[in-house]
Amino acid sequence: MPFVTIQITREGTEPGADSATAEQKAALIHGVSKLLLDVLGKPMESTFVVIDEVELENWGRGGLPVEQFRARQRSRNSE
């Protein structure tokens, strides 16, 4: 029985959105389950998919909290 964890940042892709929508999450669950069926022959009914949304303050990049990293990138790009 496959168990898949998908980690995404808790921020939306649309302006003003703070997370993935229910429809986007459903599409991820279906797509991953279908991929495991197609590639490994695993029945979709036995595939578990967990989506873990990570708050912005709980991850970083380049040695910085992500918001500081992005601010640095923006300031470099505006020079």
N, C-alpha and C. Protein backbone atom coordinates (compact mmCIF):
# COMPACT_ATOMS: atom_id res chain seq x y z
N MET A 1 0.84 -1.16 0.00
CA MET A 1 0.00 0.00 0.00
C MET A 1 0.90 1.24 0.00
N PRO A 2 0.84 2.05 -1.05
CA PRO A 2 1.65 3.26 -1.10
C PRO A 2 1.13 4.34 -0.15
N PHE A 3 2.07 5.06 0.44
CA PHE A 3 1.76 6.19 1.30
C PHE A 3 2.64 7.33 0.82
N VAL A 4 2.03 8.39 0.31
CA VAL A 4 2.75 9.51 -0.28
C VAL A 4 2.47 10.76 0.53
N THR A 5 3.52 11.48 0.88
CA THR A 5 3.37 12.77 1.55
C THR A 5 3.85 13.85 0.59
N ILE A 6 3.01 14.84 0.38
CA ILE A 6 3.36 15.98 -0.45
C ILE A 6 3.45 17.18 0.47
N GLN A 7 4.59 17.85 0.45
CA GLN A 7 4.74 19.06 1.24
C GLN A 7 4.70 20.25 0.31
N ILE A 8 3.83 21.19 0.63
CA ILE A 8 3.74 22.43 -0.13
C ILE A 8 3.76 23.59 0.86
N THR A 9 4.18 24.73 0.38
CA THR A 9 4.17 25.89 1.26
C THR A 9 2.75 26.39 1.40
N ARG A 10 2.46 26.94 2.56
CA ARG A 10 1.12 27.45 2.82
C ARG A 10 1.03 28.87 2.28
N GLU A 11 0.90 28.95 0.99
CA GLU A 11 0.68 30.21 0.30
C GLU A 11 -0.02 29.87 -1.00
N GLY A 12 -0.93 30.70 -1.37
CA GLY A 12 -1.70 30.42 -2.56
C GLY A 12 -0.98 30.84 -3.83
N THR A 13 -1.51 30.40 -4.93
CA THR A 13 -0.94 30.78 -6.21
C THR A 13 -1.66 31.98 -6.81
N GLU A 14 -2.78 32.34 -6.23
CA GLU A 14 -3.55 33.50 -6.68
C GLU A 14 -3.34 34.64 -5.69
N PRO A 15 -3.38 35.88 -6.14
CA PRO A 15 -3.27 37.00 -5.20
C PRO A 15 -4.34 36.92 -4.11
N GLY A 16 -3.93 37.09 -2.88
CA GLY A 16 -4.86 37.06 -1.75
C GLY A 16 -5.13 35.67 -1.20
N ALA A 17 -4.69 34.63 -1.87
CA ALA A 17 -4.90 33.26 -1.38
C ALA A 17 -3.78 32.88 -0.42
N ASP A 18 -4.12 32.21 0.67
CA ASP A 18 -3.09 31.84 1.63
C ASP A 18 -2.83 30.34 1.69
N SER A 19 -3.43 29.59 0.77
CA SER A 19 -3.16 28.15 0.71
C SER A 19 -3.68 27.60 -0.61
N ALA A 20 -3.35 26.36 -0.87
CA ALA A 20 -3.90 25.69 -2.05
C ALA A 20 -5.40 25.49 -1.85
N THR A 21 -6.13 25.52 -2.92
CA THR A 21 -7.58 25.34 -2.82
C THR A 21 -7.91 23.85 -2.66
N ALA A 22 -9.13 23.59 -2.24
CA ALA A 22 -9.60 22.20 -2.12
C ALA A 22 -9.53 21.51 -3.48
N GLU A 23 -9.85 22.23 -4.54
CA GLU A 23 -9.81 21.65 -5.89
C GLU A 23 -8.37 21.30 -6.29
N GLN A 24 -7.41 22.17 -5.97
CA GLN A 24 -6.01 21.88 -6.27
C GLN A 24 -5.52 20.66 -5.50
N LYS A 25 -5.90 20.57 -4.23
CA LYS A 25 -5.50 19.42 -3.42
C LYS A 25 -6.12 18.14 -3.95
N ALA A 26 -7.38 18.19 -4.35
CA ALA A 26 -8.03 17.01 -4.92
C ALA A 26 -7.31 16.57 -6.19
N ALA A 27 -6.89 17.54 -7.01
CA ALA A 27 -6.17 17.22 -8.24
C ALA A 27 -4.83 16.57 -7.94
N LEU A 28 -4.13 17.06 -6.92
CA LEU A 28 -2.87 16.44 -6.51
C LEU A 28 -3.08 15.00 -6.05
N ILE A 29 -4.09 14.79 -5.22
CA ILE A 29 -4.37 13.45 -4.70
C ILE A 29 -4.69 12.50 -5.85
N HIS A 30 -5.54 12.93 -6.75
CA HIS A 30 -5.90 12.08 -7.89
C HIS A 30 -4.69 11.82 -8.79
N GLY A 31 -3.95 12.89 -9.09
CA GLY A 31 -2.81 12.75 -10.00
C GLY A 31 -1.73 11.82 -9.48
N VAL A 32 -1.41 11.94 -8.19
CA VAL A 32 -0.39 11.07 -7.60
C VAL A 32 -0.89 9.63 -7.56
N SER A 33 -2.13 9.44 -7.19
CA SER A 33 -2.70 8.09 -7.15
C SER A 33 -2.70 7.45 -8.53
N LYS A 34 -3.06 8.23 -9.54
CA LYS A 34 -3.09 7.73 -10.92
C LYS A 34 -1.68 7.40 -11.41
N LEU A 35 -0.71 8.23 -11.05
CA LEU A 35 0.68 7.97 -11.43
C LEU A 35 1.18 6.65 -10.85
N LEU A 36 0.87 6.38 -9.58
CA LEU A 36 1.28 5.13 -8.96
C LEU A 36 0.58 3.93 -9.61
N LEU A 37 -0.66 4.12 -10.03
CA LEU A 37 -1.36 3.07 -10.76
C LEU A 37 -0.68 2.82 -12.09
N ASP A 38 -0.41 3.88 -12.84
CA ASP A 38 0.17 3.74 -14.18
C ASP A 38 1.59 3.20 -14.17
N VAL A 39 2.40 3.64 -13.22
CA VAL A 39 3.82 3.27 -13.21
C VAL A 39 4.07 1.96 -12.46
N LEU A 40 3.42 1.80 -11.31
CA LEU A 40 3.71 0.63 -10.47
C LEU A 40 2.57 -0.37 -10.39
N GLY A 41 1.43 -0.05 -10.99
CA GLY A 41 0.29 -0.95 -10.94
C GLY A 41 -0.38 -0.98 -9.58
N LYS A 42 -0.17 0.05 -8.77
CA LYS A 42 -0.77 0.09 -7.43
C LYS A 42 -2.22 0.57 -7.54
N PRO A 43 -3.16 -0.18 -6.98
CA PRO A 43 -4.56 0.23 -7.06
C PRO A 43 -4.78 1.58 -6.38
N MET A 44 -5.56 2.43 -7.01
CA MET A 44 -5.82 3.75 -6.44
C MET A 44 -6.48 3.64 -5.07
N GLU A 45 -7.30 2.60 -4.87
CA GLU A 45 -8.01 2.43 -3.60
C GLU A 45 -7.06 2.17 -2.43
N SER A 46 -5.86 1.69 -2.72
CA SER A 46 -4.93 1.37 -1.63
C SER A 46 -3.84 2.43 -1.47
N THR A 47 -3.95 3.52 -2.20
CA THR A 47 -2.95 4.58 -2.13
C THR A 47 -3.43 5.69 -1.20
N PHE A 48 -2.57 6.03 -0.24
CA PHE A 48 -2.84 7.12 0.69
C PHE A 48 -1.98 8.31 0.30
N VAL A 49 -2.60 9.47 0.22
CA VAL A 49 -1.87 10.70 -0.10
C VAL A 49 -2.17 11.72 1.00
N VAL A 50 -1.12 12.26 1.58
CA VAL A 50 -1.24 13.27 2.62
C VAL A 50 -0.60 14.55 2.11
N ILE A 51 -1.32 15.64 2.21
CA ILE A 51 -0.79 16.95 1.82
C ILE A 51 -0.48 17.72 3.09
N ASP A 52 0.77 18.08 3.24
CA ASP A 52 1.23 18.81 4.42
C ASP A 52 1.56 20.23 3.97
N GLU A 53 0.78 21.19 4.44
CA GLU A 53 1.05 22.59 4.10
C GLU A 53 1.96 23.19 5.17
N VAL A 54 3.10 23.69 4.74
CA VAL A 54 4.10 24.22 5.65
C VAL A 54 3.95 25.75 5.73
N GLU A 55 3.77 26.24 6.94
CA GLU A 55 3.66 27.69 7.15
C GLU A 55 4.96 28.38 6.72
N LEU A 56 4.84 29.60 6.22
CA LEU A 56 6.02 30.33 5.73
C LEU A 56 7.11 30.47 6.78
N GLU A 57 6.73 30.68 8.04
CA GLU A 57 7.75 30.86 9.07
C GLU A 57 8.46 29.56 9.45
N ASN A 58 8.02 28.44 8.88
CA ASN A 58 8.60 27.14 9.23
C ASN A 58 9.56 26.59 8.19
N TRP A 59 10.01 27.43 7.25
CA TRP A 59 11.00 26.95 6.29
C TRP A 59 11.85 28.12 5.81
N GLY A 60 12.97 27.77 5.25
CA GLY A 60 13.88 28.80 4.77
C GLY A 60 14.69 28.32 3.58
N ARG A 61 15.49 29.23 3.09
CA ARG A 61 16.33 28.94 1.92
C ARG A 61 17.58 29.81 2.01
N GLY A 62 18.69 29.25 1.63
CA GLY A 62 19.92 30.03 1.63
C GLY A 62 20.34 30.53 3.00
N GLY A 63 19.98 29.81 4.04
CA GLY A 63 20.36 30.18 5.39
C GLY A 63 19.47 31.23 6.04
N LEU A 64 18.36 31.57 5.38
CA LEU A 64 17.46 32.61 5.88
C LEU A 64 16.03 32.11 5.93
N PRO A 65 15.21 32.68 6.83
CA PRO A 65 13.77 32.42 6.71
C PRO A 65 13.32 32.86 5.31
N VAL A 66 12.39 32.15 4.73
CA VAL A 66 12.04 32.36 3.33
C VAL A 66 11.62 33.79 3.02
N GLU A 67 10.93 34.46 3.92
CA GLU A 67 10.51 35.84 3.64
C GLU A 67 11.72 36.77 3.54
N GLN A 68 12.73 36.56 4.37
CA GLN A 68 13.96 37.35 4.28
C GLN A 68 14.72 37.02 2.99
N PHE A 69 14.76 35.75 2.64
CA PHE A 69 15.43 35.34 1.40
C PHE A 69 14.78 36.01 0.20
N ARG A 70 13.44 35.97 0.15
CA ARG A 70 12.73 36.58 -0.97
C ARG A 70 12.95 38.08 -1.03
N ALA A 71 12.97 38.75 0.14
CA ALA A 71 13.22 40.19 0.17
C ALA A 71 14.60 40.50 -0.38
N ARG A 72 15.57 39.69 -0.01
CA ARG A 72 16.93 39.88 -0.52
C ARG A 72 16.95 39.70 -2.04
N GLN A 73 16.26 38.68 -2.54
CA GLN A 73 16.21 38.45 -3.99
C GLN A 73 15.55 39.62 -4.71
N ARG A 74 14.46 40.14 -4.15
CA ARG A 74 13.78 41.28 -4.77
C ARG A 74 14.69 42.50 -4.83
N SER A 75 15.42 42.75 -3.73
CA SER A 75 16.30 43.92 -3.72
C SER A 75 17.45 43.75 -4.70
N ARG A 76 17.95 42.53 -4.88
CA ARG A 76 19.02 42.29 -5.85
C ARG A 76 18.50 42.46 -7.28
N ASN A 77 17.27 42.03 -7.52
CA ASN A 77 16.70 42.13 -8.87
C ASN A 77 16.34 43.57 -9.24
N SER A 78 16.13 44.42 -8.23
CA SER A 78 15.74 45.81 -8.53
C SER A 78 16.96 46.71 -8.72
N GLU A 79 18.14 46.19 -8.47
CA GLU A 79 19.38 46.98 -8.64
C GLU A 79 19.79 47.10 -10.09
